[in-house]
Amino acid sequence: MIITVQNQKGGVGKSTISVHIAFELAKQGRTLLIDTDPQGSSRDWAAIRESEPPFPVIGLDRPTIHRDISKFTADYDHIVIDGPPRVSELARSGIICADLVLVPVQPSPYDVWAAEETVKLLQEASVYKENLKGVFVVNRKIVNTSIGREVNQALAEYGIPVLKTHVCQRVSFADSASSGSVVQEVDPTGKATNEIRLLVKEILNYA
């Protein structure tokens, strides 16, 4: 399964989501994380780890991913693509090669409005790839806030499913990133870890 994590708005947590779902998927099969963001956040994460990550992280920030991906599909059960933070040919290439496009959105009106550009890319790509699927995941949700509850309704207007699992804003995500770890390693029984596990379980339903 090829999963592209994409949103044209920066700062929505694409790299955090990409790294964490890749870590969880690696428990179930051979997994590769491709960092297409020129900022290289996922590559930086791998570089500062004390130990090798349980999956390779490579950089491929050129708009030929849809052609280059064939070099890897035979060797991996799951490929996660950490997308660039803006609409570009690079973003289009990452979407076209995907089976599922995961669109992280923070629960704020600005982020909901900004998702429109990514939805347009999805619609364009689906013309060429009929089986392409796209879903929203609410990320960095603040627990017990009305905006957190209302974001599902706002996103539903785009006609793309919103995953039931929301990933909340938790200190453990920032703490783990600073050491090149993931929440599954630093707090295996914590709430953040459970959210990631439920998120990946839900994602796999689209396989």
N, C-alpha and C. Protein backbone atom coordinates (compact mmCIF):
# COMPACT_ATOMS: atom_id res chain seq x y z
N MET A 1 0.85 -1.19 0.00
CA MET A 1 0.00 0.00 0.00
C MET A 1 0.89 1.25 0.00
N ILE A 2 0.59 2.19 -0.85
CA ILE A 2 1.34 3.44 -0.93
C ILE A 2 0.46 4.55 -0.36
N ILE A 3 0.94 5.18 0.70
CA ILE A 3 0.20 6.23 1.39
C ILE A 3 0.97 7.53 1.24
N THR A 4 0.35 8.54 0.66
CA THR A 4 0.96 9.86 0.57
C THR A 4 0.30 10.78 1.60
N VAL A 5 1.11 11.38 2.45
CA VAL A 5 0.63 12.32 3.45
C VAL A 5 0.84 13.72 2.87
N GLN A 6 -0.27 14.38 2.53
CA GLN A 6 -0.15 15.61 1.75
C GLN A 6 -1.13 16.68 2.22
N ASN A 7 -0.64 17.89 2.33
CA ASN A 7 -1.48 19.07 2.52
C ASN A 7 -0.64 20.26 2.08
N GLN A 8 -1.21 21.12 1.27
CA GLN A 8 -0.44 22.25 0.75
C GLN A 8 -0.10 23.27 1.83
N LYS A 9 -0.77 23.19 2.97
CA LYS A 9 -0.48 24.12 4.06
C LYS A 9 0.62 23.56 4.94
N GLY A 10 1.64 24.34 5.18
CA GLY A 10 2.70 23.91 6.06
C GLY A 10 2.27 23.92 7.52
N GLY A 11 2.98 23.20 8.35
CA GLY A 11 2.74 23.22 9.78
C GLY A 11 1.55 22.42 10.27
N VAL A 12 1.05 21.50 9.43
CA VAL A 12 -0.11 20.70 9.85
C VAL A 12 0.30 19.37 10.46
N GLY A 13 1.61 19.10 10.49
CA GLY A 13 2.09 17.87 11.11
C GLY A 13 2.27 16.71 10.15
N LYS A 14 2.55 16.99 8.88
CA LYS A 14 2.71 15.91 7.90
C LYS A 14 3.84 14.96 8.28
N SER A 15 4.99 15.53 8.64
CA SER A 15 6.14 14.68 8.95
C SER A 15 5.90 13.86 10.22
N THR A 16 5.28 14.47 11.21
CA THR A 16 4.98 13.75 12.45
C THR A 16 4.05 12.57 12.17
N ILE A 17 3.01 12.81 11.39
CA ILE A 17 2.09 11.73 11.03
C ILE A 17 2.81 10.67 10.21
N SER A 18 3.61 11.10 9.23
CA SER A 18 4.31 10.16 8.35
C SER A 18 5.22 9.23 9.13
N VAL A 19 6.04 9.80 10.00
CA VAL A 19 6.98 9.00 10.78
C VAL A 19 6.25 8.02 11.69
N HIS A 20 5.20 8.49 12.33
CA HIS A 20 4.50 7.63 13.30
C HIS A 20 3.73 6.51 12.62
N ILE A 21 3.08 6.79 11.49
CA ILE A 21 2.36 5.69 10.85
C ILE A 21 3.35 4.72 10.19
N ALA A 22 4.48 5.22 9.71
CA ALA A 22 5.49 4.32 9.15
C ALA A 22 6.03 3.39 10.23
N PHE A 23 6.25 3.92 11.42
CA PHE A 23 6.74 3.10 12.53
C PHE A 23 5.74 2.01 12.87
N GLU A 24 4.46 2.36 12.88
CA GLU A 24 3.42 1.38 13.22
C GLU A 24 3.27 0.35 12.11
N LEU A 25 3.32 0.79 10.86
CA LEU A 25 3.21 -0.14 9.73
C LEU A 25 4.39 -1.09 9.67
N ALA A 26 5.55 -0.65 10.13
CA ALA A 26 6.75 -1.50 10.10
C ALA A 26 6.61 -2.72 10.99
N LYS A 27 5.68 -2.67 11.94
CA LYS A 27 5.42 -3.83 12.79
C LYS A 27 4.68 -4.91 12.02
N GLN A 28 4.05 -4.52 10.93
CA GLN A 28 3.19 -5.44 10.19
C GLN A 28 3.76 -5.86 8.84
N GLY A 29 4.82 -5.23 8.40
CA GLY A 29 5.40 -5.59 7.10
C GLY A 29 6.55 -4.65 6.75
N ARG A 30 7.22 -4.98 5.69
CA ARG A 30 8.37 -4.16 5.24
C ARG A 30 7.86 -2.78 4.82
N THR A 31 8.43 -1.76 5.43
CA THR A 31 7.94 -0.40 5.24
C THR A 31 9.07 0.54 4.85
N LEU A 32 8.76 1.45 3.93
CA LEU A 32 9.71 2.47 3.48
C LEU A 32 9.07 3.84 3.67
N LEU A 33 9.85 4.80 4.17
CA LEU A 33 9.40 6.18 4.28
C LEU A 33 10.18 7.02 3.27
N ILE A 34 9.46 7.67 2.36
CA ILE A 34 10.09 8.54 1.36
C ILE A 34 9.79 9.99 1.73
N ASP A 35 10.84 10.74 1.96
CA ASP A 35 10.71 12.15 2.32
C ASP A 35 10.84 12.98 1.05
N THR A 36 9.73 13.58 0.61
CA THR A 36 9.76 14.41 -0.60
C THR A 36 9.75 15.90 -0.27
N ASP A 37 9.75 16.22 1.01
CA ASP A 37 9.77 17.63 1.44
C ASP A 37 11.20 18.14 1.37
N PRO A 38 11.47 19.17 0.58
CA PRO A 38 12.83 19.71 0.51
C PRO A 38 13.41 20.10 1.87
N GLN A 39 12.54 20.38 2.85
CA GLN A 39 13.02 20.71 4.20
C GLN A 39 13.62 19.49 4.89
N GLY A 40 13.22 18.29 4.46
CA GLY A 40 13.84 17.06 4.95
C GLY A 40 13.57 16.73 6.39
N SER A 41 12.38 17.03 6.90
CA SER A 41 12.09 16.80 8.32
C SER A 41 12.16 15.32 8.70
N SER A 42 11.63 14.45 7.86
CA SER A 42 11.67 13.01 8.17
C SER A 42 13.10 12.49 8.14
N ARG A 43 13.90 13.01 7.20
CA ARG A 43 15.30 12.62 7.14
C ARG A 43 16.07 13.12 8.37
N ASP A 44 15.74 14.32 8.82
CA ASP A 44 16.36 14.85 10.03
C ASP A 44 16.02 13.98 11.23
N TRP A 45 14.75 13.56 11.29
CA TRP A 45 14.32 12.69 12.39
C TRP A 45 15.16 11.41 12.42
N ALA A 46 15.35 10.79 11.27
CA ALA A 46 16.13 9.55 11.20
C ALA A 46 17.59 9.79 11.55
N ALA A 47 18.10 10.95 11.19
CA ALA A 47 19.53 11.25 11.40
C ALA A 47 19.89 11.42 12.87
N ILE A 48 18.94 11.91 13.67
CA ILE A 48 19.27 12.17 15.08
C ILE A 48 18.96 10.99 15.99
N ARG A 49 18.41 9.91 15.43
CA ARG A 49 18.14 8.73 16.25
C ARG A 49 19.44 8.10 16.74
N GLU A 50 19.40 7.55 17.94
CA GLU A 50 20.56 6.84 18.45
C GLU A 50 20.71 5.47 17.79
N SER A 51 19.60 4.90 17.36
CA SER A 51 19.63 3.59 16.69
C SER A 51 18.98 3.71 15.32
N GLU A 52 19.23 2.71 14.49
CA GLU A 52 18.60 2.70 13.17
C GLU A 52 17.09 2.58 13.32
N PRO A 53 16.32 3.34 12.54
CA PRO A 53 14.85 3.18 12.59
C PRO A 53 14.47 1.83 12.02
N PRO A 54 13.30 1.31 12.38
CA PRO A 54 12.88 -0.01 11.90
C PRO A 54 12.41 0.00 10.46
N PHE A 55 12.68 1.08 9.75
CA PHE A 55 12.34 1.19 8.33
C PHE A 55 13.31 2.20 7.72
N PRO A 56 13.68 2.02 6.45
CA PRO A 56 14.56 3.00 5.81
C PRO A 56 13.83 4.30 5.51
N VAL A 57 14.58 5.41 5.59
CA VAL A 57 14.06 6.73 5.24
C VAL A 57 14.95 7.29 4.14
N ILE A 58 14.36 7.57 2.98
CA ILE A 58 15.14 8.09 1.87
C ILE A 58 14.56 9.42 1.39
N GLY A 59 15.38 10.23 0.77
CA GLY A 59 14.92 11.49 0.20
C GLY A 59 14.69 11.35 -1.30
N LEU A 60 13.57 11.88 -1.75
CA LEU A 60 13.25 11.84 -3.18
C LEU A 60 12.41 13.07 -3.50
N ASP A 61 13.06 14.24 -3.49
CA ASP A 61 12.32 15.48 -3.66
C ASP A 61 12.41 16.00 -5.09
N ARG A 62 11.93 15.19 -6.01
CA ARG A 62 11.82 15.60 -7.41
C ARG A 62 10.49 15.10 -7.96
N PRO A 63 9.94 15.79 -8.96
CA PRO A 63 8.58 15.48 -9.43
C PRO A 63 8.48 14.27 -10.36
N THR A 64 9.25 13.23 -10.04
CA THR A 64 9.20 12.00 -10.84
C THR A 64 8.89 10.79 -9.96
N ILE A 65 8.30 11.05 -8.79
CA ILE A 65 8.04 9.96 -7.84
C ILE A 65 7.14 8.91 -8.47
N HIS A 66 6.14 9.36 -9.24
CA HIS A 66 5.19 8.42 -9.83
C HIS A 66 5.88 7.44 -10.78
N ARG A 67 7.03 7.82 -11.32
CA ARG A 67 7.81 6.90 -12.15
C ARG A 67 8.84 6.13 -11.32
N ASP A 68 9.46 6.82 -10.38
CA ASP A 68 10.53 6.21 -9.59
C ASP A 68 10.02 5.19 -8.58
N ILE A 69 8.76 5.29 -8.20
CA ILE A 69 8.22 4.43 -7.13
C ILE A 69 8.29 2.95 -7.48
N SER A 70 8.29 2.64 -8.77
CA SER A 70 8.32 1.24 -9.20
C SER A 70 9.61 0.54 -8.77
N LYS A 71 10.65 1.31 -8.47
CA LYS A 71 11.92 0.73 -8.02
C LYS A 71 11.79 0.12 -6.63
N PHE A 72 10.77 0.52 -5.89
CA PHE A 72 10.65 0.12 -4.49
C PHE A 72 9.47 -0.79 -4.20
N THR A 73 8.46 -0.80 -5.05
CA THR A 73 7.21 -1.49 -4.71
C THR A 73 7.39 -2.99 -4.49
N ALA A 74 8.32 -3.61 -5.19
CA ALA A 74 8.51 -5.06 -5.05
C ALA A 74 9.15 -5.42 -3.71
N ASP A 75 9.86 -4.48 -3.11
CA ASP A 75 10.62 -4.78 -1.89
C ASP A 75 9.91 -4.40 -0.61
N TYR A 76 8.78 -3.69 -0.73
CA TYR A 76 8.11 -3.21 0.48
C TYR A 76 6.61 -3.48 0.43
N ASP A 77 6.08 -3.79 1.61
CA ASP A 77 4.64 -4.00 1.74
C ASP A 77 3.91 -2.65 1.86
N HIS A 78 4.58 -1.70 2.50
CA HIS A 78 3.99 -0.38 2.72
C HIS A 78 5.01 0.70 2.39
N ILE A 79 4.57 1.73 1.69
CA ILE A 79 5.41 2.89 1.41
C ILE A 79 4.64 4.13 1.86
N VAL A 80 5.28 4.93 2.71
CA VAL A 80 4.70 6.18 3.19
C VAL A 80 5.48 7.33 2.56
N ILE A 81 4.78 8.26 1.95
CA ILE A 81 5.41 9.41 1.31
C ILE A 81 5.06 10.67 2.10
N ASP A 82 6.09 11.30 2.65
CA ASP A 82 5.93 12.56 3.37
C ASP A 82 5.98 13.67 2.32
N GLY A 83 4.82 14.28 2.03
CA GLY A 83 4.69 15.22 0.93
C GLY A 83 5.22 16.61 1.21
N PRO A 84 5.40 17.41 0.16
CA PRO A 84 5.89 18.78 0.30
C PRO A 84 4.79 19.71 0.80
N PRO A 85 5.16 20.89 1.35
CA PRO A 85 4.17 21.77 1.97
C PRO A 85 3.53 22.78 1.03
N ARG A 86 3.36 22.45 -0.21
CA ARG A 86 2.68 23.39 -1.11
C ARG A 86 2.26 22.65 -2.38
N VAL A 87 1.34 23.24 -3.10
CA VAL A 87 0.90 22.68 -4.37
C VAL A 87 2.03 22.86 -5.39
N SER A 88 2.45 21.77 -5.99
CA SER A 88 3.56 21.81 -6.93
C SER A 88 3.52 20.54 -7.77
N GLU A 89 4.38 20.46 -8.77
CA GLU A 89 4.50 19.23 -9.55
C GLU A 89 4.97 18.08 -8.67
N LEU A 90 5.78 18.40 -7.69
CA LEU A 90 6.24 17.39 -6.74
C LEU A 90 5.07 16.81 -5.96
N ALA A 91 4.16 17.66 -5.51
CA ALA A 91 2.97 17.21 -4.79
C ALA A 91 2.09 16.36 -5.70
N ARG A 92 1.90 16.81 -6.93
CA ARG A 92 1.08 16.05 -7.89
C ARG A 92 1.67 14.66 -8.13
N SER A 93 2.99 14.59 -8.27
CA SER A 93 3.64 13.32 -8.52
C SER A 93 3.43 12.35 -7.36
N GLY A 94 3.53 12.88 -6.12
CA GLY A 94 3.33 12.04 -4.95
C GLY A 94 1.90 11.55 -4.80
N ILE A 95 0.97 12.35 -5.25
CA ILE A 95 -0.44 11.96 -5.17
C ILE A 95 -0.78 10.91 -6.24
N ILE A 96 -0.28 11.10 -7.43
CA ILE A 96 -0.61 10.19 -8.53
C ILE A 96 -0.15 8.77 -8.25
N CYS A 97 0.96 8.61 -7.54
CA CYS A 97 1.50 7.26 -7.32
C CYS A 97 0.86 6.57 -6.12
N ALA A 98 0.00 7.27 -5.38
CA ALA A 98 -0.54 6.73 -4.14
C ALA A 98 -1.76 5.85 -4.35
N ASP A 99 -1.98 4.96 -3.39
CA ASP A 99 -3.25 4.24 -3.27
C ASP A 99 -4.20 5.04 -2.38
N LEU A 100 -3.61 5.70 -1.37
CA LEU A 100 -4.40 6.48 -0.43
C LEU A 100 -3.66 7.78 -0.13
N VAL A 101 -4.37 8.90 -0.21
CA VAL A 101 -3.81 10.20 0.16
C VAL A 101 -4.41 10.58 1.51
N LEU A 102 -3.54 10.73 2.49
CA LEU A 102 -3.94 11.11 3.84
C LEU A 102 -3.69 12.60 3.99
N VAL A 103 -4.75 13.35 4.28
CA VAL A 103 -4.66 14.81 4.36
C VAL A 103 -4.82 15.23 5.82
N PRO A 104 -3.70 15.52 6.51
CA PRO A 104 -3.83 15.99 7.89
C PRO A 104 -4.30 17.44 7.94
N VAL A 105 -5.25 17.71 8.81
CA VAL A 105 -5.81 19.06 8.95
C VAL A 105 -5.93 19.39 10.43
N GLN A 106 -5.43 20.55 10.78
CA GLN A 106 -5.62 21.01 12.15
C GLN A 106 -7.04 21.58 12.30
N PRO A 107 -7.62 21.46 13.48
CA PRO A 107 -9.00 21.92 13.66
C PRO A 107 -9.10 23.43 13.83
N SER A 108 -8.87 24.14 12.73
CA SER A 108 -9.05 25.58 12.73
C SER A 108 -9.68 25.98 11.40
N PRO A 109 -10.45 27.05 11.36
CA PRO A 109 -11.08 27.46 10.10
C PRO A 109 -10.06 27.68 8.99
N TYR A 110 -8.90 28.25 9.32
CA TYR A 110 -7.89 28.52 8.31
C TYR A 110 -7.39 27.24 7.65
N ASP A 111 -7.20 26.21 8.47
CA ASP A 111 -6.71 24.94 7.93
C ASP A 111 -7.78 24.24 7.10
N VAL A 112 -9.02 24.34 7.53
CA VAL A 112 -10.12 23.75 6.76
C VAL A 112 -10.23 24.43 5.40
N TRP A 113 -10.13 25.75 5.37
CA TRP A 113 -10.21 26.48 4.10
C TRP A 113 -9.02 26.13 3.20
N ALA A 114 -7.84 26.02 3.79
CA ALA A 114 -6.63 25.75 3.02
C ALA A 114 -6.64 24.35 2.41
N ALA A 115 -7.44 23.44 2.97
CA ALA A 115 -7.50 22.06 2.46
C ALA A 115 -8.06 22.00 1.05
N GLU A 116 -8.73 23.05 0.62
CA GLU A 116 -9.36 23.05 -0.70
C GLU A 116 -8.36 22.79 -1.82
N GLU A 117 -7.17 23.36 -1.72
CA GLU A 117 -6.17 23.18 -2.76
C GLU A 117 -5.74 21.72 -2.87
N THR A 118 -5.58 21.06 -1.75
CA THR A 118 -5.20 19.65 -1.76
C THR A 118 -6.33 18.79 -2.33
N VAL A 119 -7.56 19.14 -1.99
CA VAL A 119 -8.71 18.42 -2.54
C VAL A 119 -8.75 18.55 -4.06
N LYS A 120 -8.44 19.73 -4.58
CA LYS A 120 -8.40 19.93 -6.03
C LYS A 120 -7.35 19.04 -6.68
N LEU A 121 -6.19 18.91 -6.04
CA LEU A 121 -5.14 18.03 -6.56
C LEU A 121 -5.64 16.58 -6.61
N LEU A 122 -6.34 16.18 -5.56
CA LEU A 122 -6.90 14.83 -5.52
C LEU A 122 -7.89 14.60 -6.65
N GLN A 123 -8.74 15.56 -6.87
CA GLN A 123 -9.75 15.44 -7.92
C GLN A 123 -9.10 15.38 -9.29
N GLU A 124 -8.06 16.17 -9.51
CA GLU A 124 -7.33 16.14 -10.78
C GLU A 124 -6.69 14.77 -10.99
N ALA A 125 -6.06 14.25 -9.93
CA ALA A 125 -5.35 12.98 -10.05
C ALA A 125 -6.31 11.81 -10.25
N SER A 126 -7.51 11.89 -9.68
CA SER A 126 -8.47 10.79 -9.80
C SER A 126 -8.97 10.61 -11.22
N VAL A 127 -8.81 11.63 -12.04
CA VAL A 127 -9.18 11.51 -13.45
C VAL A 127 -8.28 10.47 -14.13
N TYR A 128 -7.02 10.45 -13.71
CA TYR A 128 -6.04 9.53 -14.31
C TYR A 128 -5.92 8.23 -13.53
N LYS A 129 -6.35 8.25 -12.27
CA LYS A 129 -6.25 7.06 -11.43
C LYS A 129 -7.57 6.86 -10.70
N GLU A 130 -8.43 6.05 -11.28
CA GLU A 130 -9.81 5.93 -10.79
C GLU A 130 -9.89 5.38 -9.37
N ASN A 131 -8.94 4.52 -8.98
CA ASN A 131 -9.01 3.88 -7.67
C ASN A 131 -8.35 4.69 -6.56
N LEU A 132 -7.89 5.89 -6.87
CA LEU A 132 -7.24 6.72 -5.87
C LEU A 132 -8.25 7.11 -4.78
N LYS A 133 -7.83 6.98 -3.53
CA LYS A 133 -8.69 7.32 -2.40
C LYS A 133 -8.03 8.43 -1.59
N GLY A 134 -8.85 9.28 -1.02
CA GLY A 134 -8.35 10.35 -0.16
C GLY A 134 -9.17 10.43 1.11
N VAL A 135 -8.50 10.70 2.23
CA VAL A 135 -9.19 10.84 3.52
C VAL A 135 -8.54 11.96 4.31
N PHE A 136 -9.33 12.61 5.13
CA PHE A 136 -8.81 13.60 6.07
C PHE A 136 -8.50 12.93 7.40
N VAL A 137 -7.46 13.39 8.07
CA VAL A 137 -7.23 13.03 9.46
C VAL A 137 -7.07 14.33 10.25
N VAL A 138 -7.87 14.48 11.29
CA VAL A 138 -7.77 15.65 12.16
C VAL A 138 -6.55 15.47 13.05
N ASN A 139 -5.62 16.41 12.96
CA ASN A 139 -4.37 16.32 13.69
C ASN A 139 -4.21 17.52 14.62
N ARG A 140 -3.51 17.29 15.72
CA ARG A 140 -3.27 18.34 16.71
C ARG A 140 -4.57 18.91 17.27
N LYS A 141 -5.52 18.04 17.45
CA LYS A 141 -6.80 18.44 18.04
C LYS A 141 -6.60 18.73 19.53
N ILE A 142 -7.17 19.82 19.99
CA ILE A 142 -7.13 20.15 21.41
C ILE A 142 -8.35 19.51 22.07
N VAL A 143 -8.09 18.68 23.04
CA VAL A 143 -9.15 17.88 23.67
C VAL A 143 -10.21 18.79 24.30
N ASN A 144 -11.47 18.36 24.15
CA ASN A 144 -12.62 19.03 24.79
C ASN A 144 -12.84 20.47 24.33
N THR A 145 -12.61 20.73 23.06
CA THR A 145 -12.91 22.05 22.51
C THR A 145 -13.98 21.91 21.44
N SER A 146 -14.80 22.94 21.30
CA SER A 146 -15.88 22.88 20.32
C SER A 146 -15.35 22.82 18.89
N ILE A 147 -14.25 23.53 18.62
CA ILE A 147 -13.69 23.52 17.27
C ILE A 147 -13.20 22.12 16.91
N GLY A 148 -12.73 21.38 17.89
CA GLY A 148 -12.31 20.01 17.65
C GLY A 148 -13.46 19.13 17.24
N ARG A 149 -14.62 19.38 17.81
CA ARG A 149 -15.79 18.56 17.48
C ARG A 149 -16.43 18.99 16.16
N GLU A 150 -16.34 20.27 15.85
CA GLU A 150 -17.03 20.80 14.67
C GLU A 150 -16.26 20.61 13.37
N VAL A 151 -14.97 20.31 13.45
CA VAL A 151 -14.15 20.24 12.25
C VAL A 151 -14.63 19.14 11.30
N ASN A 152 -15.15 18.05 11.85
CA ASN A 152 -15.66 16.97 10.99
C ASN A 152 -16.76 17.47 10.06
N GLN A 153 -17.66 18.27 10.62
CA GLN A 153 -18.76 18.81 9.80
C GLN A 153 -18.24 19.71 8.70
N ALA A 154 -17.28 20.54 9.03
CA ALA A 154 -16.72 21.47 8.05
C ALA A 154 -16.01 20.73 6.93
N LEU A 155 -15.24 19.71 7.27
CA LEU A 155 -14.49 18.95 6.26
C LEU A 155 -15.41 18.10 5.39
N ALA A 156 -16.54 17.69 5.94
CA ALA A 156 -17.48 16.84 5.19
C ALA A 156 -17.96 17.51 3.92
N GLU A 157 -17.93 18.84 3.87
CA GLU A 157 -18.39 19.57 2.69
C GLU A 157 -17.51 19.31 1.46
N TYR A 158 -16.30 18.83 1.69
CA TYR A 158 -15.40 18.54 0.57
C TYR A 158 -15.71 17.20 -0.10
N GLY A 159 -16.56 16.40 0.54
CA GLY A 159 -16.93 15.12 -0.07
C GLY A 159 -15.89 14.03 0.07
N ILE A 160 -14.96 14.20 0.99
CA ILE A 160 -13.92 13.21 1.26
C ILE A 160 -14.10 12.71 2.70
N PRO A 161 -13.98 11.41 2.93
CA PRO A 161 -14.19 10.90 4.29
C PRO A 161 -13.22 11.51 5.30
N VAL A 162 -13.70 11.65 6.52
CA VAL A 162 -12.86 12.08 7.64
C VAL A 162 -12.69 10.87 8.55
N LEU A 163 -11.45 10.50 8.82
CA LEU A 163 -11.22 9.34 9.68
C LEU A 163 -11.77 9.59 11.09
N LYS A 164 -12.30 8.53 11.68
CA LYS A 164 -12.88 8.66 13.02
C LYS A 164 -11.82 8.96 14.06
N THR A 165 -10.63 8.43 13.85
CA THR A 165 -9.55 8.65 14.81
C THR A 165 -8.96 10.04 14.64
N HIS A 166 -8.98 10.81 15.72
CA HIS A 166 -8.35 12.12 15.74
C HIS A 166 -7.04 12.01 16.52
N VAL A 167 -6.01 12.69 16.04
CA VAL A 167 -4.73 12.72 16.75
C VAL A 167 -4.67 14.03 17.52
N CYS A 168 -4.57 13.94 18.82
CA CYS A 168 -4.63 15.14 19.66
C CYS A 168 -3.25 15.78 19.84
N GLN A 169 -3.27 17.04 20.20
CA GLN A 169 -2.04 17.77 20.47
C GLN A 169 -1.52 17.33 21.84
N ARG A 170 -0.38 16.66 21.83
CA ARG A 170 0.18 16.13 23.07
C ARG A 170 1.68 16.42 23.13
N VAL A 171 2.16 16.69 24.31
CA VAL A 171 3.57 17.01 24.50
C VAL A 171 4.46 15.84 24.08
N SER A 172 3.96 14.63 24.21
CA SER A 172 4.77 13.45 23.91
C SER A 172 5.23 13.41 22.45
N PHE A 173 4.46 14.00 21.54
CA PHE A 173 4.88 14.03 20.13
C PHE A 173 6.13 14.90 19.96
N ALA A 174 6.12 16.07 20.59
CA ALA A 174 7.28 16.97 20.50
C ALA A 174 8.48 16.39 21.23
N ASP A 175 8.24 15.81 22.39
CA ASP A 175 9.34 15.23 23.18
C ASP A 175 10.02 14.09 22.43
N SER A 176 9.23 13.24 21.81
CA SER A 176 9.81 12.10 21.09
C SER A 176 10.56 12.57 19.86
N ALA A 177 10.05 13.57 19.16
CA ALA A 177 10.70 14.07 17.94
C ALA A 177 12.08 14.63 18.24
N SER A 178 12.25 15.26 19.39
CA SER A 178 13.52 15.90 19.73
C SER A 178 14.66 14.90 19.89
N SER A 179 14.30 13.63 20.11
CA SER A 179 15.33 12.59 20.26
C SER A 179 15.31 11.57 19.12
N GLY A 180 14.54 11.88 18.07
CA GLY A 180 14.47 10.95 16.95
C GLY A 180 13.71 9.69 17.30
N SER A 181 12.78 9.81 18.21
CA SER A 181 11.95 8.67 18.62
C SER A 181 10.52 8.89 18.17
N VAL A 182 9.64 7.96 18.54
CA VAL A 182 8.21 8.10 18.32
C VAL A 182 7.50 7.80 19.63
N VAL A 183 6.25 8.19 19.72
CA VAL A 183 5.52 8.00 20.98
C VAL A 183 5.38 6.53 21.33
N GLN A 184 5.36 5.65 20.31
CA GLN A 184 5.24 4.23 20.59
C GLN A 184 6.45 3.70 21.37
N GLU A 185 7.59 4.39 21.21
CA GLU A 185 8.79 3.97 21.93
C GLU A 185 8.87 4.58 23.32
N VAL A 186 8.54 5.88 23.43
CA VAL A 186 8.73 6.57 24.71
C VAL A 186 7.56 6.35 25.67
N ASP A 187 6.39 6.04 25.14
CA ASP A 187 5.21 5.84 26.01
C ASP A 187 4.30 4.79 25.36
N PRO A 188 4.71 3.51 25.40
CA PRO A 188 4.00 2.45 24.67
C PRO A 188 2.54 2.27 25.04
N THR A 189 2.15 2.68 26.24
CA THR A 189 0.76 2.49 26.67
C THR A 189 0.01 3.82 26.78
N GLY A 190 0.60 4.89 26.29
CA GLY A 190 0.00 6.21 26.43
C GLY A 190 -1.11 6.49 25.44
N LYS A 191 -1.79 7.59 25.66
CA LYS A 191 -2.91 7.98 24.81
C LYS A 191 -2.47 8.28 23.38
N ALA A 192 -1.32 8.93 23.23
CA ALA A 192 -0.82 9.25 21.89
C ALA A 192 -0.53 7.99 21.10
N THR A 193 0.07 7.02 21.75
CA THR A 193 0.37 5.74 21.10
C THR A 193 -0.91 5.05 20.67
N ASN A 194 -1.90 5.07 21.52
CA ASN A 194 -3.18 4.43 21.18
C ASN A 194 -3.84 5.11 19.98
N GLU A 195 -3.74 6.44 19.91
CA GLU A 195 -4.31 7.17 18.77
C GLU A 195 -3.63 6.76 17.47
N ILE A 196 -2.31 6.62 17.49
CA ILE A 196 -1.59 6.23 16.28
C ILE A 196 -1.96 4.81 15.87
N ARG A 197 -2.08 3.92 16.81
CA ARG A 197 -2.47 2.54 16.49
C ARG A 197 -3.87 2.48 15.88
N LEU A 198 -4.78 3.23 16.46
CA LEU A 198 -6.15 3.25 15.92
C LEU A 198 -6.16 3.90 14.54
N LEU A 199 -5.35 4.93 14.36
CA LEU A 199 -5.27 5.61 13.07
C LEU A 199 -4.79 4.65 11.98
N VAL A 200 -3.73 3.91 12.26
CA VAL A 200 -3.19 2.97 11.26
C VAL A 200 -4.18 1.85 10.98
N LYS A 201 -4.85 1.38 12.02
CA LYS A 201 -5.87 0.34 11.82
C LYS A 201 -6.96 0.84 10.88
N GLU A 202 -7.36 2.08 11.05
CA GLU A 202 -8.40 2.67 10.21
C GLU A 202 -7.88 2.87 8.77
N ILE A 203 -6.64 3.31 8.64
CA ILE A 203 -6.02 3.51 7.32
C ILE A 203 -6.00 2.20 6.54
N LEU A 204 -5.66 1.11 7.21
CA LEU A 204 -5.54 -0.17 6.53
C LEU A 204 -6.88 -0.69 6.02
N ASN A 205 -7.97 -0.16 6.52
CA ASN A 205 -9.28 -0.52 6.00
C ASN A 205 -9.46 -0.06 4.55
N TYR A 206 -8.63 0.89 4.12
CA TYR A 206 -8.71 1.42 2.76
C TYR A 206 -7.78 0.68 1.81
N ALA A 207 -7.07 -0.33 2.31
CA ALA A 207 -6.14 -1.08 1.46
C ALA A 207 -6.89 -1.91 0.43
